[in-house]
Amino acid sequence: MVEACRKKKWGLPMKTNTRMDYLSIITFADNYWLFATSPAELQQMTVLWLYLLSKHGWHTPLDEICYATTALDSNYTADIKIDNKVIKRIPRKEGFKVLGTFITFDNFFEVELTRRISAAWGAFSRFSVLLCCQEISLEVRFRMLAKAINPSMFWCAGSWNLRASQLPTIREVQRKMVRKMLRFKKAEEE
């Protein structure tokens, strides 16, 4: 696939030290991404990729194939068809899940931030018996909070594209969790 795309100059052009190359595909354990510079190119690449898969005994159901673009949703009119079936285009703001994180193409981060906050509260709920237990020192509970919540809240955070207005949202979630941990102590003291 890579060689065929390189010959046809399909994919995202990338200049290396020695030549011009093209990023055409990234494969994951159970997923793949094709990169194209136009709908027609993406359609041709998809047809080639599906052919290569079938040649080696693999299959991707057309109903499961989708794509996204950085083009504005309101201005996008092209269709990608494979075997006369229109492939679903995911709206920029909606995005889709890749390796445990939600990727959108609108240069915002609301969908994934909402999902991460929900995951953090789910983790807090699972560990709340320990996190809110007054027999455990506050220092230990804070360490438990970091170990139990941070993996859920900050999964893949290195790739986040946060806006300054979103940082207070994260801080507020952390404050609410701490207040919830401390609330039980105040109730016992009264």
Foldseek 3Di string as FASTA:
>chain_A
DQVVCQVVVFACWDQDPPGIGHDAKDDDPPDMDGGGDDLVSVLVSVQVVQVVQVVVPHHDPQQPDEEEDLDAPVPDDDFRDDPNHTRHYDHQVQAQDDPHAGHGNPLACVVRQVQLLVQLVVLCVVCVCVLQDPVDDPVVSVVVSCVRRVCSNCPVVVPDRHDPVCVVVVVVSVVVSVCSSCVVVVVVVD
